[in-house]
PDB file of N, CA and C in Angstrom:
ATOM      1  N   MET A   1     -33.016  35.270  -3.465  1.00  0.00           N
ATOM      2  CA  MET A   1     -33.653  34.477  -3.179  1.00  0.00           C
ATOM      3  C   MET A   1     -33.767  34.606  -1.507  1.00  0.00           C
ATOM      4  N   GLY A   2     -32.045  35.148  -1.091  1.00  0.00           N
ATOM      5  CA  GLY A   2     -31.984  35.228   0.496  1.00  0.00           C
ATOM      6  C   GLY A   2     -32.321  34.058   1.366  1.00  0.00           C
ATOM      7  N   LEU A   3     -32.088  34.365   2.658  1.00  0.00           N
ATOM      8  CA  LEU A   3     -32.093  33.109   3.388  1.00  0.00           C
ATOM      9  C   LEU A   3     -33.347  32.650   3.895  1.00  0.00           C
ATOM     10  N   PRO A   4     -33.595  31.664   4.149  1.00  0.00           N
ATOM     11  CA  PRO A   4     -34.879  31.008   4.186  1.00  0.00           C
ATOM     12  C   PRO A   4     -35.191  31.608   5.596  1.00  0.00           C
ATOM     13  N   THR A   5     -36.875  31.705   5.770  1.00  0.00           N
ATOM     14  CA  THR A   5     -36.994  32.110   7.380  1.00  0.00           C
ATOM     15  C   THR A   5     -38.318  30.602   7.411  1.00  0.00           C
ATOM     16  N   PRO A   6     -38.720  30.732   8.703  1.00  0.00           N
ATOM     17  CA  PRO A   6     -39.865  29.602   9.128  1.00  0.00           C
ATOM     18  C   PRO A   6     -40.704  29.896   8.221  1.00  0.00           C
ATOM     19  N   ASP A   7     -41.180  30.956   7.799  1.00  0.00           N
ATOM     20  CA  ASP A   7     -42.534  31.595   7.143  1.00  0.00           C
ATOM     21  C   ASP A   7     -42.088  30.884   5.585  1.00  0.00           C
ATOM     22  N   ASP A   8     -41.018  30.890   5.153  1.00  0.00           N
ATOM     23  CA  ASP A   8     -40.790  30.251   3.961  1.00  0.00           C
ATOM     24  C   ASP A   8     -41.319  29.216   3.287  1.00  0.00           C
ATOM     25  N   ASN A   9     -41.257  28.929   2.065  1.00  0.00           N
ATOM     26  CA  ASN A   9     -41.667  27.593   1.650  1.00  0.00           C
ATOM     27  C   ASN A   9     -39.983  26.596   1.355  1.00  0.00           C
ATOM     28  N   LEU A  10     -39.672  26.243   2.968  1.00  0.00           N
ATOM     29  CA  LEU A  10     -37.911  25.650   3.053  1.00  0.00           C
ATOM     30  C   LEU A  10     -38.285  24.837   2.095  1.00  0.00           C
ATOM     31  N   LYS A  11     -39.106  23.541   1.743  1.00  0.00           N
ATOM     32  CA  LYS A  11     -38.976  22.415   0.596  1.00  0.00           C
ATOM     33  C   LYS A  11     -38.373  23.185  -0.470  1.00  0.00           C
ATOM     34  N   GLY A  12     -39.351  24.375  -1.172  1.00  0.00           N
ATOM     35  CA  GLY A  12     -38.830  24.462  -2.538  1.00  0.00           C
ATOM     36  C   GLY A  12     -37.431  25.502  -2.266  1.00  0.00           C
ATOM     37  N   TYR A  13     -37.368  25.902  -1.233  1.00  0.00           N
ATOM     38  CA  TYR A  13     -35.857  26.724  -1.049  1.00  0.00           C
ATOM     39  C   TYR A  13     -34.841  25.920  -1.149  1.00  0.00           C
ATOM     40  N   ILE A  14     -35.069  24.529  -1.087  1.00  0.00           N
ATOM     41  CA  ILE A  14     -34.086  23.550  -0.862  1.00  0.00           C
ATOM     42  C   ILE A  14     -33.830  23.327  -2.049  1.00  0.00           C
ATOM     43  N   ASN A  15     -34.727  22.840  -2.374  1.00  0.00           N
ATOM     44  CA  ASN A  15     -35.095  22.062  -3.929  1.00  0.00           C
ATOM     45  C   ASN A  15     -34.513  23.037  -4.606  1.00  0.00           C
ATOM     46  N   GLY A  16     -34.327  24.341  -4.823  1.00  0.00           N
ATOM     47  CA  GLY A  16     -34.336  25.462  -6.033  1.00  0.00           C
ATOM     48  C   GLY A  16     -32.696  25.591  -5.499  1.00  0.00           C
ATOM     49  N   GLN A  17     -31.626  25.496  -4.503  1.00  0.00           N
ATOM     50  CA  GLN A  17     -31.091  26.331  -4.065  1.00  0.00           C
ATOM     51  C   GLN A  17     -29.514  25.422  -4.968  1.00  0.00           C
ATOM     52  N   LEU A  18     -28.390  26.054  -5.297  1.00  0.00           N
ATOM     53  CA  LEU A  18     -27.319  25.470  -5.741  1.00  0.00           C
ATOM     54  C   LEU A  18     -26.841  24.821  -4.862  1.00  0.00           C
ATOM     55  N   LEU A  19     -26.766  25.410  -3.675  1.00  0.00           N
ATOM     56  CA  LEU A  19     -25.438  24.599  -2.830  1.00  0.00           C
ATOM     57  C   LEU A  19     -25.425  23.378  -2.689  1.00  0.00           C
ATOM     58  N   THR A  20     -26.594  22.652  -2.776  1.00  0.00           N
ATOM     59  CA  THR A  20     -26.328  21.115  -3.121  1.00  0.00           C
ATOM     60  C   THR A  20     -26.099  20.406  -4.665  1.00  0.00           C
ATOM     61  N   ARG A  21     -25.714  21.031  -5.451  1.00  0.00           N
ATOM     62  CA  ARG A  21     -25.552  20.589  -6.915  1.00  0.00           C
ATOM     63  C   ARG A  21     -24.112  20.989  -7.504  1.00  0.00           C
ATOM     64  N   TYR A  22     -23.113  20.315  -6.807  1.00  0.00           N
ATOM     65  CA  TYR A  22     -21.892  20.450  -6.548  1.00  0.00           C
ATOM     66  C   TYR A  22     -21.188  19.504  -7.186  1.00  0.00           C
ATOM     67  N   SER A  23     -21.434  18.469  -7.263  1.00  0.00           N
ATOM     68  CA  SER A  23     -21.055  17.010  -7.670  1.00  0.00           C
ATOM     69  C   SER A  23     -20.315  16.910  -9.074  1.00  0.00           C
ATOM     70  N   GLY A  24     -21.256  17.599 -10.202  1.00  0.00           N
ATOM     71  CA  GLY A  24     -20.332  17.289 -11.494  1.00  0.00           C
ATOM     72  C   GLY A  24     -19.567  18.554 -11.785  1.00  0.00           C
ATOM     73  N   LEU A  25     -19.188  19.191 -11.130  1.00  0.00           N
ATOM     74  CA  LEU A  25     -18.320  20.086 -11.180  1.00  0.00           C
ATOM     75  C   LEU A  25     -16.454  19.698 -10.879  1.00  0.00           C
ATOM     76  N   LYS A  26     -16.758  18.698 -10.000  1.00  0.00           N
ATOM     77  CA  LYS A  26     -15.438  18.030  -9.535  1.00  0.00           C
ATOM     78  C   LYS A  26     -14.210  17.943 -10.349  1.00  0.00           C
ATOM     79  N   HIS A  27     -14.218  17.895 -11.522  1.00  0.00           N
ATOM     80  CA  HIS A  27     -13.723  17.051 -12.520  1.00  0.00           C
ATOM     81  C   HIS A  27     -13.478  18.596 -13.860  1.00  0.00           C
ATOM     82  N   LYS A  28     -13.866  19.799 -13.227  1.00  0.00           N
ATOM     83  CA  LYS A  28     -14.496  20.471 -14.641  1.00  0.00           C
ATOM     84  C   LYS A  28     -13.816  21.947 -14.199  1.00  0.00           C
ATOM     85  N   GLN A  29     -13.604  22.802 -15.006  1.00  0.00           N
ATOM     86  CA  GLN A  29     -12.855  23.803 -14.999  1.00  0.00           C
ATOM     87  C   GLN A  29     -13.993  25.027 -14.777  1.00  0.00           C
ATOM     88  N   TYR A  30     -13.778  25.942 -13.406  1.00  0.00           N
ATOM     89  CA  TYR A  30     -15.211  26.174 -13.216  1.00  0.00           C
ATOM     90  C   TYR A  30     -14.052  28.177 -12.593  1.00  0.00           C
ATOM     91  N   PHE A  31     -15.009  29.032 -12.823  1.00  0.00           N
ATOM     92  CA  PHE A  31     -14.621  30.085 -12.629  1.00  0.00           C
ATOM     93  C   PHE A  31     -15.309  30.965 -11.982  1.00  0.00           C
ATOM     94  N   LEU A  32     -15.500  31.617 -10.787  1.00  0.00           N
ATOM     95  CA  LEU A  32     -16.861  32.267  -9.951  1.00  0.00           C
ATOM     96  C   LEU A  32     -16.270  33.955 -10.243  1.00  0.00           C
ATOM     97  N   ILE A  33     -17.053  34.747 -11.058  1.00  0.00           N
ATOM     98  CA  ILE A  33     -16.875  36.002 -10.848  1.00  0.00           C
ATOM     99  C   ILE A  33     -17.699  36.611  -9.908  1.00  0.00           C
ATOM    100  N   HIS A  34     -17.138  37.971  -9.121  1.00  0.00           N
ATOM    101  CA  HIS A  34     -18.615  38.337  -8.582  1.00  0.00           C
ATOM    102  C   HIS A  34     -18.113  39.827  -8.177  1.00  0.00           C
ATOM    103  N   GLY A  35     -19.182  40.811  -8.308  1.00  0.00           N
ATOM    104  CA  GLY A  35     -18.803  42.444  -7.621  1.00  0.00           C
ATOM    105  C   GLY A  35     -19.131  42.272  -6.298  1.00  0.00           C
ATOM    106  N   THR A  36     -18.863  42.741  -5.632  1.00  0.00           N
ATOM    107  CA  THR A  36     -18.833  42.682  -3.998  1.00  0.00           C
ATOM    108  C   THR A  36     -19.917  43.394  -3.162  1.00  0.00           C
ATOM    109  N   PHE A  37     -20.630  44.999  -4.756  1.00  0.00           N
ATOM    110  CA  PHE A  37     -21.580  45.496  -4.698  1.00  0.00           C
ATOM    111  C   PHE A  37     -23.180  45.373  -5.493  1.00  0.00           C
ATOM    112  N   ASP A  38     -22.910  44.029  -6.013  1.00  0.00           N
ATOM    113  CA  ASP A  38     -23.659  43.630  -6.732  1.00  0.00           C
ATOM    114  C   ASP A  38     -25.192  43.472  -5.994  1.00  0.00           C
ATOM    115  N   ASP A  39     -26.185  44.031  -6.270  1.00  0.00           N
ATOM    116  CA  ASP A  39     -27.575  44.123  -5.445  1.00  0.00           C
ATOM    117  C   ASP A  39     -28.803  43.337  -6.107  1.00  0.00           C
ATOM    118  N   ASN A  40     -27.783  42.646  -7.224  1.00  0.00           N
ATOM    119  CA  ASN A  40     -29.172  41.540  -8.058  1.00  0.00           C
ATOM    120  C   ASN A  40     -28.811  40.104  -7.239  1.00  0.00           C
ATOM    121  N   VAL A  41     -27.529  39.632  -7.060  1.00  0.00           N
ATOM    122  CA  VAL A  41     -26.758  38.419  -6.487  1.00  0.00           C
ATOM    123  C   VAL A  41     -25.761  38.533  -5.334  1.00  0.00           C
ATOM    124  N   HIS A  42     -26.393  38.856  -4.106  1.00  0.00           N
ATOM    125  CA  HIS A  42     -25.668  39.320  -3.521  1.00  0.00           C
ATOM    126  C   HIS A  42     -24.701  38.527  -3.122  1.00  0.00           C
ATOM    127  N   TYR A  43     -23.487  39.626  -2.565  1.00  0.00           N
ATOM    128  CA  TYR A  43     -21.881  38.744  -2.685  1.00  0.00           C
ATOM    129  C   TYR A  43     -22.064  37.552  -1.421  1.00  0.00           C
ATOM    130  N   GLN A  44     -22.873  37.484  -0.422  1.00  0.00           N
ATOM    131  CA  GLN A  44     -22.983  36.377   0.339  1.00  0.00           C
ATOM    132  C   GLN A  44     -23.024  35.228  -0.130  1.00  0.00           C
ATOM    133  N   GLN A  45     -23.941  35.100  -1.396  1.00  0.00           N
ATOM    134  CA  GLN A  45     -24.007  34.021  -1.660  1.00  0.00           C
ATOM    135  C   GLN A  45     -23.298  33.171  -2.725  1.00  0.00           C
ATOM    136  N   SER A  46     -22.412  34.149  -3.203  1.00  0.00           N
ATOM    137  CA  SER A  46     -21.151  33.262  -3.734  1.00  0.00           C
ATOM    138  C   SER A  46     -19.898  32.966  -2.762  1.00  0.00           C
ATOM    139  N   MET A  47     -19.920  33.627  -1.440  1.00  0.00           N
ATOM    140  CA  MET A  47     -19.213  33.080  -0.665  1.00  0.00           C
ATOM    141  C   MET A  47     -19.339  31.686   0.234  1.00  0.00           C
ATOM    142  N   MET A  48     -20.970  31.688  -0.017  1.00  0.00           N
ATOM    143  CA  MET A  48     -21.340  30.388   0.674  1.00  0.00           C
ATOM    144  C   MET A  48     -21.107  29.350  -0.706  1.00  0.00           C
ATOM    145  N   TRP A  49     -21.239  29.548  -1.770  1.00  0.00           N
ATOM    146  CA  TRP A  49     -21.086  28.769  -3.117  1.00  0.00           C
ATOM    147  C   TRP A  49     -19.418  28.314  -2.753  1.00  0.00           C
ATOM    148  N   SER A  50     -18.725  29.166  -2.366  1.00  0.00           N
ATOM    149  CA  SER A  50     -17.241  28.960  -2.846  1.00  0.00           C
ATOM    150  C   SER A  50     -16.764  28.148  -1.412  1.00  0.00           C
ATOM    151  N   LYS A  51     -17.303  28.329  -0.519  1.00  0.00           N
ATOM    152  CA  LYS A  51     -17.291  27.509   0.825  1.00  0.00           C
ATOM    153  C   LYS A  51     -17.706  25.861   0.373  1.00  0.00           C
ATOM    154  N   VAL A  52     -18.805  25.763  -0.092  1.00  0.00           N
ATOM    155  CA  VAL A  52     -19.595  24.282  -0.566  1.00  0.00           C
ATOM    156  C   VAL A  52     -18.030  23.692  -1.306  1.00  0.00           C
ATOM    157  N   LEU A  53     -17.668  24.672  -2.514  1.00  0.00           N
ATOM    158  CA  LEU A  53     -16.521  23.894  -3.533  1.00  0.00           C
ATOM    159  C   LEU A  53     -15.572  23.812  -2.793  1.00  0.00           C
ATOM    160  N   GLU A  54     -15.290  24.583  -1.701  1.00  0.00           N
ATOM    161  CA  GLU A  54     -13.775  24.257  -1.462  1.00  0.00           C
ATOM    162  C   GLU A  54     -13.899  22.876  -0.121  1.00  0.00           C
ATOM    163  N   ARG A  55     -15.214  23.008   0.805  1.00  0.00           N
ATOM    164  CA  ARG A  55     -15.428  21.942   1.389  1.00  0.00           C
ATOM    165  C   ARG A  55     -15.237  20.165   0.761  1.00  0.00           C
ATOM    166  N   ASN A  56     -16.045  20.053  -0.421  1.00  0.00           N
ATOM    167  CA  ASN A  56     -15.988  19.419  -1.250  1.00  0.00           C
ATOM    168  C   ASN A  56     -14.888  19.135  -2.481  1.00  0.00           C
ATOM    169  N   ASP A  57     -13.678  19.765  -2.061  1.00  0.00           N
ATOM    170  CA  ASP A  57     -12.647  19.520  -2.952  1.00  0.00           C
ATOM    171  C   ASP A  57     -12.622  19.858  -4.172  1.00  0.00           C
ATOM    172  N   ILE A  58     -13.523  20.902  -4.716  1.00  0.00           N
ATOM    173  CA  ILE A  58     -13.496  21.169  -5.921  1.00  0.00           C
ATOM    174  C   ILE A  58     -12.812  22.387  -6.356  1.00  0.00           C
ATOM    175  N   LEU A  59     -11.833  22.106  -6.920  1.00  0.00           N
ATOM    176  CA  LEU A  59     -10.906  23.424  -7.343  1.00  0.00           C
ATOM    177  C   LEU A  59     -11.471  24.093  -8.691  1.00  0.00           C
ATOM    178  N   PHE A  60     -11.169  25.719  -8.105  1.00  0.00           N
ATOM    179  CA  PHE A  60     -12.087  26.709  -9.281  1.00  0.00           C
ATOM    180  C   PHE A  60     -11.045  27.780  -8.933  1.00  0.00           C
ATOM    181  N   ARG A  61     -11.430  28.913 -10.024  1.00  0.00           N
ATOM    182  CA  ARG A  61     -10.653  30.223  -9.701  1.00  0.00           C
ATOM    183  C   ARG A  61     -12.123  31.117  -9.420  1.00  0.00           C
ATOM    184  N   GLN A  62     -11.668  31.850  -8.469  1.00  0.00           N
ATOM    185  CA  GLN A  62     -12.630  33.042  -8.071  1.00  0.00           C
ATOM    186  C   GLN A  62     -11.930  34.479  -8.452  1.00  0.00           C
ATOM    187  N   LEU A  63     -12.852  35.323  -8.572  1.00  0.00           N
ATOM    188  CA  LEU A  63     -12.420  36.318  -8.703  1.00  0.00           C
ATOM    189  C   LEU A  63     -13.508  37.489  -8.346  1.00  0.00           C
ATOM    190  N   SER A  64     -13.177  38.372  -7.528  1.00  0.00           N
ATOM    191  CA  SER A  64     -14.184  39.316  -6.852  1.00  0.00           C
ATOM    192  C   SER A  64     -13.702  40.360  -7.283  1.00  0.00           C
ATOM    193  N   TYR A  65     -14.713  41.677  -7.496  1.00  0.00           N
ATOM    194  CA  TYR A  65     -14.121  42.854  -8.087  1.00  0.00           C
ATOM    195  C   TYR A  65     -14.974  43.798  -6.591  1.00  0.00           C
ATOM    196  N   PRO A  66     -14.089  44.268  -5.962  1.00  0.00           N
ATOM    197  CA  PRO A  66     -14.712  45.549  -5.024  1.00  0.00           C
ATOM    198  C   PRO A  66     -15.373  46.665  -5.035  1.00  0.00           C
ATOM    199  N   ASP A  67     -16.414  46.631  -4.479  1.00  0.00           N
ATOM    200  CA  ASP A  67     -17.289  47.854  -5.067  1.00  0.00           C
ATOM    201  C   ASP A  67     -17.634  48.011  -6.569  1.00  0.00           C
ATOM    202  N   GLU A  68     -17.883  46.775  -7.050  1.00  0.00           N
ATOM    203  CA  GLU A  68     -18.457  46.846  -8.538  1.00  0.00           C
ATOM    204  C   GLU A  68     -19.954  46.120  -8.098  1.00  0.00           C
ATOM    205  N   ASP A  69     -20.957  46.499  -9.037  1.00  0.00           N
ATOM    206  CA  ASP A  69     -22.041  46.272  -9.366  1.00  0.00           C
ATOM    207  C   ASP A  69     -22.412  44.899 -10.300  1.00  0.00           C
ATOM    208  N   HIS A  70     -23.632  44.725 -10.358  1.00  0.00           N
ATOM    209  CA  HIS A  70     -24.093  43.276 -11.172  1.00  0.00           C
ATOM    210  C   HIS A  70     -23.022  43.668 -12.560  1.00  0.00           C
ATOM    211  N   SER A  71     -22.923  44.379 -12.974  1.00  0.00           N
ATOM    212  CA  SER A  71     -22.442  44.814 -14.452  1.00  0.00           C
ATOM    213  C   SER A  71     -21.154  44.656 -14.651  1.00  0.00           C
ATOM    214  N   LEU A  72     -20.984  44.892 -13.951  1.00  0.00           N
ATOM    215  CA  LEU A  72     -19.310  45.072 -13.662  1.00  0.00           C
ATOM    216  C   LEU A  72     -18.201  46.467 -14.703  1.00  0.00           C
ATOM    217  N   GLY A  73     -19.156  47.302 -14.789  1.00  0.00           N
ATOM    218  CA  GLY A  73     -19.283  48.225 -15.865  1.00  0.00           C
ATOM    219  C   GLY A  73     -17.674  48.686 -15.463  1.00  0.00           C
ATOM    220  N   LEU A  74     -17.153  49.142 -14.401  1.00  0.00           N
ATOM    221  CA  LEU A  74     -16.384  50.109 -14.222  1.00  0.00           C
ATOM    222  C   LEU A  74     -14.383  49.052 -14.352  1.00  0.00           C
ATOM    223  N   VAL A  75     -14.503  47.421 -14.668  1.00  0.00           N
ATOM    224  CA  VAL A  75     -13.620  46.231 -14.720  1.00  0.00           C
ATOM    225  C   VAL A  75     -13.713  45.821 -15.855  1.00  0.00           C
ATOM    226  N   ARG A  76     -14.344  46.097 -16.957  1.00  0.00           N
ATOM    227  CA  ARG A  76     -14.691  45.144 -18.247  1.00  0.00           C
ATOM    228  C   ARG A  76     -13.479  44.680 -18.862  1.00  0.00           C
ATOM    229  N   PRO A  77     -12.474  45.708 -19.217  1.00  0.00           N
ATOM    230  CA  PRO A  77     -11.037  45.355 -20.123  1.00  0.00           C
ATOM    231  C   PRO A  77     -10.459  44.098 -18.758  1.00  0.00           C
ATOM    232  N   HIS A  78     -10.624  44.382 -17.302  1.00  0.00           N
ATOM    233  CA  HIS A  78      -9.575  43.155 -16.748  1.00  0.00           C
ATOM    234  C   HIS A  78     -10.341  41.879 -16.395  1.00  0.00           C
ATOM    235  N   LEU A  79     -12.071  42.265 -16.791  1.00  0.00           N
ATOM    236  CA  LEU A  79     -12.764  40.909 -16.845  1.00  0.00           C
ATOM    237  C   LEU A  79     -12.841  40.370 -18.086  1.00  0.00           C
ATOM    238  N   TYR A  80     -12.712  40.756 -19.197  1.00  0.00           N
ATOM    239  CA  TYR A  80     -12.704  40.032 -20.248  1.00  0.00           C
ATOM    240  C   TYR A  80     -11.157  39.827 -20.583  1.00  0.00           C
ATOM    241  N   HIS A  81      -9.934  40.273 -19.952  1.00  0.00           N
ATOM    242  CA  HIS A  81      -8.971  39.665 -20.109  1.00  0.00           C
ATOM    243  C   HIS A  81      -8.963  38.265 -19.173  1.00  0.00           C
ATOM    244  N   SER A  82      -9.651  38.330 -17.955  1.00  0.00           N
ATOM    245  CA  SER A  82      -9.412  37.206 -17.088  1.00  0.00           C
ATOM    246  C   SER A  82     -10.142  36.235 -17.761  1.00  0.00           C
ATOM    247  N   LEU A  83     -11.274  35.895 -18.550  1.00  0.00           N
ATOM    248  CA  LEU A  83     -12.181  35.469 -18.918  1.00  0.00           C
ATOM    249  C   LEU A  83     -11.249  34.420 -20.534  1.00  0.00           C
ATOM    250  N   GLU A  84     -10.313  35.538 -20.746  1.00  0.00           N
ATOM    251  CA  GLU A  84      -9.832  35.016 -22.101  1.00  0.00           C
ATOM    252  C   GLU A  84      -8.871  34.360 -21.858  1.00  0.00           C
ATOM    253  N   ASN A  85      -7.858  34.512 -20.929  1.00  0.00           N
ATOM    254  CA  ASN A  85      -7.294  33.915 -20.068  1.00  0.00           C
ATOM    255  C   ASN A  85      -7.767  32.130 -19.713  1.00  0.00           C
ATOM    256  N   PHE A  86      -8.824  32.539 -19.177  1.00  0.00           N
ATOM    257  CA  PHE A  86      -9.455  31.432 -18.602  1.00  0.00           C
ATOM    258  C   PHE A  86      -9.652  30.355 -19.592  1.00  0.00           C
ATOM    259  N   LEU A  87     -10.611  31.000 -20.032  1.00  0.00           N
ATOM    260  CA  LEU A  87     -10.519  29.886 -21.916  1.00  0.00           C
ATOM    261  C   LEU A  87      -9.704  29.851 -22.595  1.00  0.00           C
ATOM    262  N   ASP A  88      -8.678  30.202 -22.637  1.00  0.00           N
ATOM    263  CA  ASP A  88      -7.504  29.596 -22.921  1.00  0.00           C
ATOM    264  C   ASP A  88      -6.588  28.379 -22.605  1.00  0.00           C
ATOM    265  N   GLU A  89      -6.697  28.454 -21.431  1.00  0.00           N
ATOM    266  CA  GLU A  89      -6.475  27.228 -20.656  1.00  0.00           C
ATOM    267  C   GLU A  89      -7.338  26.185 -20.584  1.00  0.00           C
ATOM    268  N   CYS A  90      -8.524  26.607 -20.305  1.00  0.00           N
ATOM    269  CA  CYS A  90      -9.580  25.551 -20.650  1.00  0.00           C
ATOM    270  C   CYS A  90      -9.499  24.570 -21.959  1.00  0.00           C
ATOM    271  N   PHE A  91      -9.416  25.536 -22.886  1.00  0.00           N
ATOM    272  CA  PHE A  91      -9.148  24.673 -24.351  1.00  0.00           C
ATOM    273  C   PHE A  91      -7.711  24.677 -24.806  1.00  0.00           C
ATOM    274  N   GLU A  92      -6.738  24.910 -23.760  1.00  0.00           N
ATOM    275  CA  GLU A  92      -5.286  24.518 -24.064  1.00  0.00           C
ATOM    276  C   GLU A  92      -4.866  25.373 -25.526  1.00  0.00           C
ATOM    277  N   THR A  93      -5.103  26.985 -25.565  1.00  0.00           N
ATOM    278  CA  THR A  93      -5.077  27.303 -26.698  1.00  0.00           C
ATOM    279  C   THR A  93      -3.277  27.980 -26.832  1.00  0.00           C
ATOM    280  N   LYS A  94      -3.057  28.210 -26.067  1.00  0.00           N
ATOM    281  CA  LYS A  94      -1.675  28.817 -25.293  1.00  0.00           C
ATOM    282  C   LYS A  94      -0.330  27.738 -24.802  1.00  0.00           C
TER     283      LYS A  94
END
């Protein structure tokens, strides 16, 4: 989506963005994962989202993969172990 310009549909942009839809996460487990070389979803968008969560005192886990693209192909074992640990904590299996 990128950042809005004066020529964009600003109302549609504001209504469609995630940055205002954080309140339901206040007491939830949340895991934000992103590759810094992702060209589908720019890393800046994850940083903007994490800033919103932090400023609204919403606890979350964040994992960044340097130089990884959208597929996270070179770090899959680490990604899957991280997801497994997160889900174990969510469902208190350990």
